[in-house]
N, C-alpha and C. Protein backbone atom coordinates (compact mmCIF):
# COMPACT_ATOMS: atom_id res chain seq x y z
N MET A 1 -35.34 11.24 -5.88
CA MET A 1 -34.69 12.54 -6.00
C MET A 1 -35.59 13.54 -6.69
N LYS A 2 -36.85 13.21 -6.81
CA LYS A 2 -37.79 14.11 -7.44
C LYS A 2 -37.98 15.35 -6.59
N ASN A 3 -37.96 16.52 -7.23
CA ASN A 3 -38.19 17.81 -6.56
C ASN A 3 -37.17 18.10 -5.46
N GLU A 4 -36.02 17.49 -5.52
CA GLU A 4 -34.99 17.79 -4.54
C GLU A 4 -34.13 18.92 -5.04
N LYS A 5 -33.87 19.88 -4.18
CA LYS A 5 -33.03 21.02 -4.54
C LYS A 5 -31.56 20.67 -4.41
N MET A 6 -30.75 21.36 -5.19
CA MET A 6 -29.31 21.21 -5.04
C MET A 6 -28.90 21.89 -3.74
N LYS A 7 -27.95 21.30 -3.04
CA LYS A 7 -27.48 21.85 -1.78
C LYS A 7 -26.08 22.43 -1.97
N TRP A 8 -25.84 23.62 -1.43
CA TRP A 8 -24.52 24.24 -1.52
C TRP A 8 -23.46 23.39 -0.84
N THR A 9 -23.86 22.65 0.18
CA THR A 9 -22.89 21.80 0.87
C THR A 9 -22.34 20.71 -0.05
N ASP A 10 -23.14 20.29 -1.03
CA ASP A 10 -22.68 19.27 -1.97
C ASP A 10 -21.56 19.78 -2.88
N ILE A 11 -21.53 21.08 -3.12
CA ILE A 11 -20.45 21.66 -3.93
C ILE A 11 -19.11 21.42 -3.23
N GLY A 12 -19.08 21.56 -1.92
CA GLY A 12 -17.86 21.28 -1.17
C GLY A 12 -17.43 19.83 -1.29
N VAL A 13 -18.40 18.93 -1.26
CA VAL A 13 -18.11 17.50 -1.40
C VAL A 13 -17.49 17.23 -2.77
N VAL A 14 -18.09 17.80 -3.81
CA VAL A 14 -17.57 17.60 -5.17
C VAL A 14 -16.17 18.18 -5.30
N ALA A 15 -15.96 19.37 -4.78
CA ALA A 15 -14.63 19.99 -4.84
C ALA A 15 -13.60 19.13 -4.11
N PHE A 16 -13.96 18.64 -2.93
CA PHE A 16 -13.06 17.77 -2.17
C PHE A 16 -12.73 16.51 -2.96
N MET A 17 -13.71 15.91 -3.61
CA MET A 17 -13.48 14.69 -4.39
C MET A 17 -12.58 14.96 -5.59
N TYR A 18 -12.75 16.12 -6.24
CA TYR A 18 -11.85 16.47 -7.35
C TYR A 18 -10.42 16.68 -6.86
N ILE A 19 -10.27 17.27 -5.69
CA ILE A 19 -8.92 17.44 -5.11
C ILE A 19 -8.29 16.08 -4.82
N ILE A 20 -9.09 15.17 -4.24
CA ILE A 20 -8.59 13.80 -3.97
C ILE A 20 -8.16 13.14 -5.27
N CYS A 21 -8.98 13.25 -6.31
CA CYS A 21 -8.64 12.66 -7.60
C CYS A 21 -7.33 13.24 -8.14
N ALA A 22 -7.18 14.55 -8.05
CA ALA A 22 -5.97 15.20 -8.57
C ALA A 22 -4.73 14.74 -7.81
N VAL A 23 -4.82 14.70 -6.49
CA VAL A 23 -3.66 14.29 -5.68
C VAL A 23 -3.29 12.84 -5.98
N PHE A 24 -4.28 11.95 -6.00
CA PHE A 24 -3.99 10.54 -6.26
C PHE A 24 -3.50 10.32 -7.68
N TYR A 25 -4.03 11.05 -8.65
CA TYR A 25 -3.55 10.91 -10.02
C TYR A 25 -2.10 11.38 -10.11
N TYR A 26 -1.80 12.50 -9.48
CA TYR A 26 -0.43 13.02 -9.46
C TYR A 26 0.53 11.99 -8.85
N LYS A 27 0.12 11.38 -7.73
CA LYS A 27 0.96 10.37 -7.08
C LYS A 27 1.08 9.11 -7.95
N THR A 28 0.01 8.76 -8.66
CA THR A 28 0.00 7.55 -9.49
C THR A 28 0.97 7.66 -10.65
N VAL A 29 1.03 8.81 -11.30
CA VAL A 29 1.92 8.93 -12.46
C VAL A 29 3.40 8.90 -12.06
N HIS A 30 3.68 9.00 -10.78
CA HIS A 30 5.06 8.90 -10.32
C HIS A 30 5.43 7.48 -9.89
N LEU A 31 4.51 6.56 -10.02
CA LEU A 31 4.78 5.15 -9.73
C LEU A 31 5.43 4.50 -10.95
N ASN A 32 5.98 3.31 -10.76
CA ASN A 32 6.49 2.55 -11.91
C ASN A 32 5.34 2.29 -12.87
N GLU A 33 5.65 2.34 -14.16
CA GLU A 33 4.60 2.24 -15.17
C GLU A 33 3.82 0.93 -15.10
N GLU A 34 4.48 -0.16 -14.72
CA GLU A 34 3.81 -1.46 -14.69
C GLU A 34 2.77 -1.57 -13.58
N ILE A 35 2.83 -0.70 -12.57
CA ILE A 35 1.83 -0.78 -11.49
C ILE A 35 0.86 0.41 -11.49
N GLN A 36 0.84 1.19 -12.56
CA GLN A 36 -0.03 2.36 -12.63
C GLN A 36 -1.46 2.04 -13.04
N SER A 37 -1.70 0.93 -13.68
CA SER A 37 -3.01 0.70 -14.30
C SER A 37 -4.16 0.66 -13.29
N TYR A 38 -4.03 -0.08 -12.21
CA TYR A 38 -5.14 -0.18 -11.25
C TYR A 38 -5.40 1.16 -10.54
N PRO A 39 -4.35 1.85 -10.02
CA PRO A 39 -4.62 3.15 -9.40
C PRO A 39 -5.21 4.17 -10.39
N LYS A 40 -4.72 4.18 -11.63
CA LYS A 40 -5.27 5.10 -12.62
C LYS A 40 -6.74 4.78 -12.90
N PHE A 41 -7.05 3.50 -13.04
CA PHE A 41 -8.43 3.10 -13.27
C PHE A 41 -9.32 3.56 -12.13
N THR A 42 -8.86 3.38 -10.89
CA THR A 42 -9.65 3.76 -9.72
C THR A 42 -9.86 5.27 -9.68
N VAL A 43 -8.83 6.05 -9.95
CA VAL A 43 -8.94 7.51 -9.93
C VAL A 43 -9.87 7.98 -11.05
N ILE A 44 -9.74 7.41 -12.22
CA ILE A 44 -10.59 7.80 -13.35
C ILE A 44 -12.05 7.44 -13.06
N LEU A 45 -12.28 6.29 -12.47
CA LEU A 45 -13.63 5.89 -12.08
C LEU A 45 -14.21 6.87 -11.06
N LEU A 46 -13.43 7.22 -10.05
CA LEU A 46 -13.88 8.17 -9.03
C LEU A 46 -14.15 9.54 -9.65
N PHE A 47 -13.30 9.97 -10.56
CA PHE A 47 -13.49 11.25 -11.26
C PHE A 47 -14.79 11.21 -12.06
N GLY A 48 -15.03 10.11 -12.77
CA GLY A 48 -16.25 9.98 -13.56
C GLY A 48 -17.51 9.99 -12.70
N LEU A 49 -17.49 9.26 -11.59
CA LEU A 49 -18.64 9.22 -10.69
C LEU A 49 -18.89 10.60 -10.07
N THR A 50 -17.82 11.30 -9.71
CA THR A 50 -17.96 12.64 -9.15
C THR A 50 -18.55 13.59 -10.19
N THR A 51 -18.10 13.47 -11.42
CA THR A 51 -18.63 14.31 -12.49
C THR A 51 -20.11 14.01 -12.74
N MET A 52 -20.48 12.74 -12.70
CA MET A 52 -21.90 12.38 -12.86
C MET A 52 -22.73 13.00 -11.73
N TYR A 53 -22.20 12.98 -10.52
CA TYR A 53 -22.90 13.58 -9.39
C TYR A 53 -23.03 15.09 -9.57
N LEU A 54 -21.97 15.73 -10.08
CA LEU A 54 -22.02 17.17 -10.33
C LEU A 54 -23.09 17.51 -11.36
N VAL A 55 -23.15 16.74 -12.44
CA VAL A 55 -24.17 16.96 -13.47
C VAL A 55 -25.57 16.80 -12.87
N GLN A 56 -25.74 15.76 -12.07
CA GLN A 56 -27.03 15.52 -11.40
C GLN A 56 -27.39 16.70 -10.50
N MET A 57 -26.42 17.24 -9.78
CA MET A 57 -26.66 18.39 -8.91
C MET A 57 -27.06 19.61 -9.72
N LEU A 58 -26.37 19.87 -10.83
CA LEU A 58 -26.66 21.03 -11.66
C LEU A 58 -28.05 20.93 -12.29
N LEU A 59 -28.43 19.73 -12.71
CA LEU A 59 -29.79 19.54 -13.24
C LEU A 59 -30.84 19.78 -12.17
N ALA A 60 -30.58 19.32 -10.95
CA ALA A 60 -31.52 19.56 -9.84
C ALA A 60 -31.61 21.04 -9.53
N ALA A 61 -30.48 21.75 -9.63
CA ALA A 61 -30.49 23.19 -9.37
C ALA A 61 -31.31 23.92 -10.42
N LYS A 62 -31.19 23.48 -11.66
CA LYS A 62 -31.94 24.12 -12.75
C LYS A 62 -33.44 23.85 -12.61
N ARG A 63 -33.79 22.63 -12.22
CA ARG A 63 -35.21 22.25 -12.09
C ARG A 63 -35.86 22.81 -10.83
N ASN A 64 -35.15 22.68 -9.69
CA ASN A 64 -35.80 22.92 -8.40
C ASN A 64 -35.15 24.02 -7.56
N GLY A 65 -34.08 24.60 -8.02
CA GLY A 65 -33.43 25.65 -7.25
C GLY A 65 -32.33 25.11 -6.35
N VAL A 66 -31.84 26.00 -5.50
CA VAL A 66 -30.70 25.69 -4.64
C VAL A 66 -31.06 26.04 -3.20
N GLU A 67 -30.58 25.23 -2.26
CA GLU A 67 -30.75 25.53 -0.84
C GLU A 67 -29.42 25.36 -0.14
N SER A 68 -29.34 25.84 1.08
CA SER A 68 -28.09 25.81 1.83
C SER A 68 -27.63 24.38 2.10
N GLY A 69 -28.46 23.59 2.75
CA GLY A 69 -28.11 22.22 3.09
C GLY A 69 -27.40 22.08 4.42
N VAL A 70 -26.88 23.19 4.97
CA VAL A 70 -26.14 23.14 6.23
C VAL A 70 -27.04 22.66 7.36
N ASP A 71 -28.28 23.11 7.37
CA ASP A 71 -29.19 22.71 8.44
C ASP A 71 -29.43 21.21 8.45
N LYS A 72 -29.48 20.58 7.30
CA LYS A 72 -29.68 19.14 7.23
C LYS A 72 -28.40 18.37 7.56
N VAL A 73 -27.26 18.88 7.13
CA VAL A 73 -25.99 18.20 7.36
C VAL A 73 -25.68 18.09 8.85
N PHE A 74 -25.93 19.16 9.59
CA PHE A 74 -25.59 19.19 11.01
C PHE A 74 -26.79 18.99 11.93
N LYS A 75 -27.90 18.54 11.36
CA LYS A 75 -29.13 18.36 12.16
C LYS A 75 -28.93 17.42 13.34
N ASP A 76 -28.36 16.25 13.10
CA ASP A 76 -28.17 15.26 14.15
C ASP A 76 -26.70 15.13 14.58
N PHE A 77 -25.93 16.17 14.39
CA PHE A 77 -24.51 16.14 14.73
C PHE A 77 -24.32 15.92 16.22
N GLN A 78 -23.48 14.95 16.55
CA GLN A 78 -23.18 14.65 17.95
C GLN A 78 -21.68 14.86 18.17
N PRO A 79 -21.31 15.99 18.79
CA PRO A 79 -19.89 16.31 18.94
C PRO A 79 -19.08 15.22 19.64
N ALA A 80 -19.62 14.63 20.70
CA ALA A 80 -18.86 13.60 21.43
C ALA A 80 -18.55 12.43 20.51
N GLN A 81 -19.54 11.99 19.76
CA GLN A 81 -19.35 10.86 18.84
C GLN A 81 -18.31 11.21 17.78
N PHE A 82 -18.38 12.43 17.26
CA PHE A 82 -17.43 12.87 16.24
C PHE A 82 -16.00 12.87 16.77
N PHE A 83 -15.80 13.49 17.94
CA PHE A 83 -14.44 13.63 18.45
C PHE A 83 -13.86 12.31 18.94
N VAL A 84 -14.69 11.42 19.48
CA VAL A 84 -14.20 10.08 19.85
C VAL A 84 -13.80 9.32 18.59
N SER A 85 -14.61 9.42 17.54
CA SER A 85 -14.28 8.74 16.28
C SER A 85 -13.01 9.31 15.66
N LEU A 86 -12.86 10.62 15.72
CA LEU A 86 -11.65 11.26 15.20
C LEU A 86 -10.41 10.81 15.98
N ALA A 87 -10.52 10.75 17.30
CA ALA A 87 -9.41 10.29 18.12
C ALA A 87 -9.08 8.82 17.81
N ALA A 88 -10.11 8.02 17.58
CA ALA A 88 -9.89 6.61 17.23
C ALA A 88 -9.15 6.48 15.91
N VAL A 89 -9.49 7.31 14.94
CA VAL A 89 -8.81 7.27 13.64
C VAL A 89 -7.34 7.67 13.80
N VAL A 90 -7.07 8.72 14.57
CA VAL A 90 -5.69 9.15 14.80
C VAL A 90 -4.90 8.04 15.50
N ALA A 91 -5.50 7.44 16.53
CA ALA A 91 -4.83 6.34 17.24
C ALA A 91 -4.58 5.16 16.30
N TYR A 92 -5.54 4.87 15.45
CA TYR A 92 -5.41 3.77 14.48
C TYR A 92 -4.21 4.01 13.55
N VAL A 93 -4.13 5.21 13.02
CA VAL A 93 -3.03 5.53 12.10
C VAL A 93 -1.68 5.38 12.81
N LEU A 94 -1.62 5.80 14.06
CA LEU A 94 -0.37 5.67 14.82
C LEU A 94 -0.07 4.22 15.17
N LEU A 95 -1.10 3.44 15.46
CA LEU A 95 -0.90 2.05 15.88
C LEU A 95 -0.57 1.10 14.73
N ILE A 96 -0.87 1.48 13.51
CA ILE A 96 -0.58 0.61 12.37
C ILE A 96 0.90 0.25 12.34
N ASN A 97 1.76 1.23 12.56
CA ASN A 97 3.20 0.97 12.51
C ASN A 97 3.71 0.22 13.73
N VAL A 98 2.97 0.28 14.84
CA VAL A 98 3.41 -0.41 16.05
C VAL A 98 2.88 -1.84 16.08
N LEU A 99 1.57 -2.01 15.87
CA LEU A 99 0.95 -3.32 15.98
C LEU A 99 0.84 -4.07 14.66
N GLY A 100 0.96 -3.36 13.56
CA GLY A 100 0.76 -3.97 12.26
C GLY A 100 -0.65 -3.69 11.76
N PHE A 101 -0.82 -3.80 10.46
CA PHE A 101 -2.09 -3.42 9.84
C PHE A 101 -3.26 -4.25 10.35
N TYR A 102 -3.13 -5.56 10.35
CA TYR A 102 -4.27 -6.42 10.69
C TYR A 102 -4.70 -6.29 12.15
N ILE A 103 -3.75 -6.26 13.06
CA ILE A 103 -4.09 -6.14 14.49
C ILE A 103 -4.69 -4.77 14.77
N ALA A 104 -4.05 -3.71 14.24
CA ALA A 104 -4.55 -2.35 14.46
C ALA A 104 -5.95 -2.17 13.84
N THR A 105 -6.15 -2.74 12.66
CA THR A 105 -7.45 -2.63 12.01
C THR A 105 -8.53 -3.35 12.80
N ALA A 106 -8.21 -4.56 13.26
CA ALA A 106 -9.19 -5.31 14.05
C ALA A 106 -9.55 -4.56 15.33
N LEU A 107 -8.55 -4.05 16.05
CA LEU A 107 -8.81 -3.31 17.29
C LEU A 107 -9.60 -2.04 17.01
N PHE A 108 -9.24 -1.33 15.96
CA PHE A 108 -9.94 -0.09 15.59
C PHE A 108 -11.41 -0.37 15.30
N LEU A 109 -11.66 -1.36 14.44
CA LEU A 109 -13.04 -1.67 14.07
C LEU A 109 -13.85 -2.15 15.27
N ILE A 110 -13.29 -3.04 16.05
CA ILE A 110 -14.01 -3.55 17.22
C ILE A 110 -14.33 -2.41 18.18
N GLY A 111 -13.31 -1.62 18.51
CA GLY A 111 -13.52 -0.52 19.45
C GLY A 111 -14.53 0.50 18.97
N LEU A 112 -14.40 0.92 17.73
CA LEU A 112 -15.30 1.95 17.21
C LEU A 112 -16.72 1.43 17.03
N LEU A 113 -16.86 0.22 16.51
CA LEU A 113 -18.20 -0.33 16.31
C LEU A 113 -18.91 -0.57 17.64
N LEU A 114 -18.18 -1.03 18.64
CA LEU A 114 -18.81 -1.22 19.95
C LEU A 114 -19.14 0.13 20.59
N TYR A 115 -18.29 1.13 20.41
CA TYR A 115 -18.58 2.48 20.91
C TYR A 115 -19.85 3.03 20.27
N LEU A 116 -20.03 2.74 18.98
CA LEU A 116 -21.21 3.22 18.26
C LEU A 116 -22.43 2.33 18.49
N LYS A 117 -22.28 1.38 19.40
CA LYS A 117 -23.37 0.48 19.82
C LYS A 117 -23.89 -0.43 18.70
N VAL A 118 -22.96 -0.88 17.86
CA VAL A 118 -23.31 -1.87 16.85
C VAL A 118 -23.38 -3.23 17.57
N PRO A 119 -24.40 -4.04 17.29
CA PRO A 119 -24.52 -5.34 17.97
C PRO A 119 -23.26 -6.20 17.79
N TYR A 120 -23.01 -7.06 18.81
CA TYR A 120 -21.80 -7.88 18.82
C TYR A 120 -21.65 -8.75 17.57
N LEU A 121 -22.73 -9.40 17.17
CA LEU A 121 -22.66 -10.28 16.00
C LEU A 121 -22.32 -9.48 14.74
N ALA A 122 -22.96 -8.34 14.57
CA ALA A 122 -22.68 -7.50 13.40
C ALA A 122 -21.24 -7.00 13.43
N THR A 123 -20.75 -6.67 14.62
CA THR A 123 -19.36 -6.23 14.76
C THR A 123 -18.40 -7.35 14.36
N ALA A 124 -18.64 -8.55 14.86
CA ALA A 124 -17.77 -9.69 14.54
C ALA A 124 -17.78 -9.99 13.04
N ILE A 125 -18.94 -9.97 12.45
CA ILE A 125 -19.05 -10.23 11.00
C ILE A 125 -18.34 -9.14 10.21
N THR A 126 -18.55 -7.89 10.59
CA THR A 126 -17.91 -6.77 9.89
C THR A 126 -16.40 -6.87 9.95
N VAL A 127 -15.86 -7.12 11.13
CA VAL A 127 -14.40 -7.21 11.28
C VAL A 127 -13.85 -8.37 10.46
N ALA A 128 -14.50 -9.52 10.53
CA ALA A 128 -14.03 -10.70 9.79
C ALA A 128 -14.07 -10.45 8.28
N VAL A 129 -15.16 -9.89 7.80
CA VAL A 129 -15.32 -9.66 6.36
C VAL A 129 -14.32 -8.62 5.86
N ILE A 130 -14.17 -7.53 6.58
CA ILE A 130 -13.23 -6.49 6.14
C ILE A 130 -11.80 -7.00 6.13
N LEU A 131 -11.40 -7.69 7.17
CA LEU A 131 -10.04 -8.24 7.20
C LEU A 131 -9.82 -9.25 6.08
N ALA A 132 -10.82 -10.09 5.83
CA ALA A 132 -10.70 -11.07 4.74
C ALA A 132 -10.63 -10.37 3.39
N LEU A 133 -11.47 -9.37 3.17
CA LEU A 133 -11.45 -8.63 1.90
C LEU A 133 -10.11 -7.94 1.68
N VAL A 134 -9.60 -7.30 2.72
CA VAL A 134 -8.30 -6.62 2.60
C VAL A 134 -7.21 -7.64 2.32
N TYR A 135 -7.22 -8.75 3.04
CA TYR A 135 -6.19 -9.77 2.86
C TYR A 135 -6.20 -10.31 1.42
N PHE A 136 -7.37 -10.71 0.94
CA PHE A 136 -7.42 -11.30 -0.39
C PHE A 136 -7.24 -10.27 -1.50
N ALA A 137 -7.81 -9.07 -1.34
CA ALA A 137 -7.70 -8.06 -2.39
C ALA A 137 -6.29 -7.49 -2.46
N PHE A 138 -5.74 -7.11 -1.32
CA PHE A 138 -4.45 -6.43 -1.34
C PHE A 138 -3.26 -7.39 -1.23
N ALA A 139 -3.27 -8.25 -0.23
CA ALA A 139 -2.12 -9.12 -0.01
C ALA A 139 -2.01 -10.19 -1.09
N LYS A 140 -3.11 -10.84 -1.42
CA LYS A 140 -3.06 -11.95 -2.38
C LYS A 140 -3.19 -11.48 -3.83
N PHE A 141 -4.28 -10.75 -4.14
CA PHE A 141 -4.55 -10.37 -5.53
C PHE A 141 -3.58 -9.32 -6.06
N LEU A 142 -3.39 -8.23 -5.30
CA LEU A 142 -2.54 -7.14 -5.77
C LEU A 142 -1.09 -7.25 -5.30
N GLY A 143 -0.83 -8.12 -4.34
CA GLY A 143 0.54 -8.30 -3.85
C GLY A 143 1.07 -7.11 -3.05
N VAL A 144 0.19 -6.36 -2.41
CA VAL A 144 0.60 -5.21 -1.61
C VAL A 144 1.09 -5.70 -0.25
N LYS A 145 2.24 -5.21 0.17
CA LYS A 145 2.76 -5.57 1.48
C LYS A 145 2.23 -4.56 2.49
N LEU A 146 1.40 -5.05 3.40
CA LEU A 146 0.83 -4.18 4.43
C LEU A 146 1.77 -4.16 5.63
N PRO A 147 1.77 -3.06 6.39
CA PRO A 147 2.69 -2.94 7.53
C PRO A 147 2.51 -4.08 8.54
N LYS A 148 3.66 -4.68 8.92
CA LYS A 148 3.63 -5.78 9.90
C LYS A 148 3.72 -5.25 11.32
N GLY A 149 4.27 -4.08 11.49
CA GLY A 149 4.34 -3.48 12.81
C GLY A 149 5.64 -3.79 13.53
N LEU A 150 6.03 -2.89 14.39
CA LEU A 150 7.27 -3.05 15.15
C LEU A 150 7.17 -4.20 16.15
N LEU A 151 5.99 -4.42 16.69
CA LEU A 151 5.78 -5.48 17.68
C LEU A 151 6.12 -6.86 17.08
N LEU A 152 5.59 -7.15 15.90
CA LEU A 152 5.89 -8.44 15.26
C LEU A 152 7.35 -8.55 14.85
N LYS A 153 7.94 -7.45 14.44
CA LYS A 153 9.36 -7.46 14.06
C LYS A 153 10.23 -7.74 15.26
N MET A 154 9.86 -7.20 16.43
CA MET A 154 10.64 -7.43 17.64
C MET A 154 10.49 -8.85 18.16
N LEU A 155 9.35 -9.48 17.90
CA LEU A 155 9.12 -10.84 18.36
C LEU A 155 9.87 -11.86 17.53
N LYS A 156 10.30 -11.51 16.34
CA LYS A 156 11.01 -12.45 15.47
C LYS A 156 12.45 -12.58 15.83
């Protein structure tokens, strides 16, 4: 990061992250007190990391100046890839309630990774690892009930 200028586009990222922290903190304090500790810890950690990034940006601005950053952000922008990915995310969010979290997540990851031309082995490993991490972290460790989906409910 030597001689790197601060980018104006990074200010938007920091502002967005502070908004995310504020919204999640607001939602967290409305939870039952016994389940607030992990979400609060996560929000405070994110707030701290964002603040550290802001300080780093301000120091870079003082040392090396400021540049737009827009030209670098959109240099390799591929509209088709962006809009297909956006459509996949919207479909994923809608399918979670129909197919259930695990099936929708697996289909989303497989479809998007193959669309982005990720090799088959890497796709399989990624899907397996993410599903396992979510299962053990949320379902087992934190006891979070993930959506089962209407399809599984109808089959029972």
